[in-house]
Amino acid sequence: MRAIKKDKYFRDKGGVFKILQISCAKCGKEVMLYQKDGRGALHRSYLNRILAPEHLASLQDKIKSQDQLEAIICECGNVIAKPMKHREGRIAFWLILGTYRKQLYKKDK
């Protein structure tokens, strides 16, 4: 798992964050761990906030345009998220309502 991000976006959201485990609503398989900054609903997942798995977390180092991204599709065929570019210019995945579940991540002891 990658380290928690504490950058200008983190500070702009009041320095509050939580780690969310995003899983498929259809089969329950874990899709990603995500650092959600600030309060409010989860609508998109920015590339630089994906902490795991490594094949998604490493996209922040490789991708320069949303055109280089493909949708996140679960092994069961459920389309979880589609690529987008936020108005700030940040590349993200737009999470499709009803296709995923989220819960607070609890690290195994």
Protein backbone atom coordinates (compact mmCIF):
# COMPACT_ATOMS: atom_id res chain seq x y z
CA MET A 1 0.00 0.00 0.00
CA ARG A 2 1.27 3.45 -0.87
CA ALA A 3 1.74 6.20 1.71
CA ILE A 4 -0.99 8.67 2.71
CA LYS A 5 -0.89 11.88 0.64
CA LYS A 6 -0.64 15.21 2.45
CA ASP A 7 -0.54 17.82 -0.29
CA LYS A 8 -2.41 21.04 -1.13
CA TYR A 9 -5.63 19.15 -1.94
CA PHE A 10 -5.47 17.46 1.48
CA ARG A 11 -5.00 20.83 3.19
CA ASP A 12 -7.77 22.46 1.09
CA LYS A 13 -10.21 19.83 2.39
CA GLY A 14 -9.40 20.68 6.00
CA GLY A 15 -6.75 18.06 6.64
CA VAL A 16 -9.37 15.35 7.21
CA PHE A 17 -9.14 12.00 5.47
CA LYS A 18 -10.29 8.39 5.68
CA ILE A 19 -9.17 5.23 3.93
CA LEU A 20 -12.02 3.53 2.07
CA GLN A 21 -12.15 -0.02 0.81
CA ILE A 22 -14.03 0.02 -2.50
CA SER A 23 -15.51 -3.31 -3.59
CA CYS A 24 -17.79 -4.59 -6.34
CA ALA A 25 -21.50 -4.42 -5.45
CA LYS A 26 -22.20 -7.49 -7.58
CA CYS A 27 -19.60 -10.04 -6.37
CA GLY A 28 -17.98 -8.31 -3.35
CA LYS A 29 -14.39 -8.47 -4.66
CA GLU A 30 -12.13 -5.64 -3.44
CA VAL A 31 -11.37 -3.18 -6.24
CA MET A 32 -9.17 -0.58 -4.49
CA LEU A 33 -8.13 1.20 -1.33
CA TYR A 34 -8.73 4.93 -1.63
CA GLN A 35 -7.80 7.97 0.46
CA LYS A 36 -10.92 10.15 0.66
CA ASP A 37 -10.06 13.72 1.67
CA GLY A 38 -12.61 15.97 3.32
CA ARG A 39 -16.27 15.37 3.97
CA GLY A 40 -19.06 14.55 1.58
CA ALA A 41 -20.02 11.80 -0.79
CA LEU A 42 -17.60 9.79 -2.89
CA HIS A 43 -18.19 10.60 -6.59
CA ARG A 44 -14.75 10.16 -8.13
CA SER A 45 -11.40 8.65 -7.28
CA TYR A 46 -8.36 10.70 -8.19
CA LEU A 47 -5.36 8.72 -9.44
CA ASN A 48 -3.03 10.19 -6.82
CA ARG A 49 -5.32 9.03 -4.00
CA ILE A 50 -5.50 5.33 -4.97
CA LEU A 51 -3.37 3.43 -2.45
CA ALA A 52 -3.81 -0.18 -3.63
CA PRO A 53 -3.67 -2.44 -5.63
CA GLU A 54 -0.35 -1.49 -7.16
CA HIS A 55 -1.54 -1.73 -10.80
CA LEU A 56 -4.04 1.08 -10.09
CA ALA A 57 -1.85 3.02 -7.61
CA SER A 58 1.01 3.15 -10.13
CA LEU A 59 -1.20 4.86 -12.75
CA GLN A 60 -0.44 8.23 -11.12
CA ASP A 61 3.19 7.86 -12.26
CA LYS A 62 2.36 6.74 -15.81
CA ILE A 63 -0.81 8.47 -17.03
CA LYS A 64 -0.77 12.02 -18.39
CA SER A 65 -4.21 12.08 -20.08
CA GLN A 66 -7.61 10.53 -19.41
CA ASP A 67 -7.48 9.08 -22.94
CA GLN A 68 -4.76 6.69 -21.72
CA LEU A 69 -7.09 5.17 -19.09
CA GLU A 70 -9.61 2.37 -19.41
CA ALA A 71 -12.68 1.80 -17.26
CA ILE A 72 -12.30 -0.19 -14.05
CA ILE A 73 -14.13 -3.46 -14.63
CA CYS A 74 -14.44 -6.16 -11.97
CA GLU A 75 -13.63 -9.79 -12.80
CA CYS A 76 -17.40 -10.48 -12.79
CA GLY A 77 -17.88 -7.94 -15.63
CA ASN A 78 -19.36 -5.14 -13.51
CA VAL A 79 -18.18 -1.70 -14.71
CA ILE A 80 -17.19 0.17 -11.52
CA ALA A 81 -15.69 3.43 -12.83
CA LYS A 82 -14.95 5.36 -16.02
CA PRO A 83 -12.05 7.75 -16.72
CA MET A 84 -12.65 11.50 -16.44
CA LYS A 85 -10.83 14.80 -16.11
CA HIS A 86 -12.02 17.02 -13.26
CA ARG A 87 -12.45 20.75 -13.82
CA GLU A 88 -9.19 21.33 -11.88
CA GLY A 89 -7.40 19.28 -14.53
CA ARG A 90 -6.87 16.29 -12.23
CA ILE A 91 -7.36 12.89 -13.83
CA ALA A 92 -9.79 10.63 -11.99
CA PHE A 93 -12.21 7.75 -12.25
CA TRP A 94 -15.90 8.62 -12.11
CA LEU A 95 -17.51 6.02 -9.83
CA ILE A 96 -20.81 4.70 -11.18
CA LEU A 97 -23.48 4.85 -8.48
CA GLY A 98 -24.77 1.43 -7.44
CA THR A 99 -21.87 -0.57 -8.91
CA TYR A 100 -19.61 -0.38 -5.85
CA ARG A 101 -19.69 -0.57 -2.08
CA LYS A 102 -17.48 1.40 0.24
CA GLN A 103 -16.48 0.83 3.83
CA LEU A 104 -13.84 2.17 6.17
CA TYR A 105 -10.61 0.24 5.80
CA LYS A 106 -9.53 -1.62 8.91
CA LYS A 107 -5.97 -2.86 8.75
CA ASP A 108 -5.61 -6.51 9.76
CA LYS A 109 -4.08 -6.94 13.20
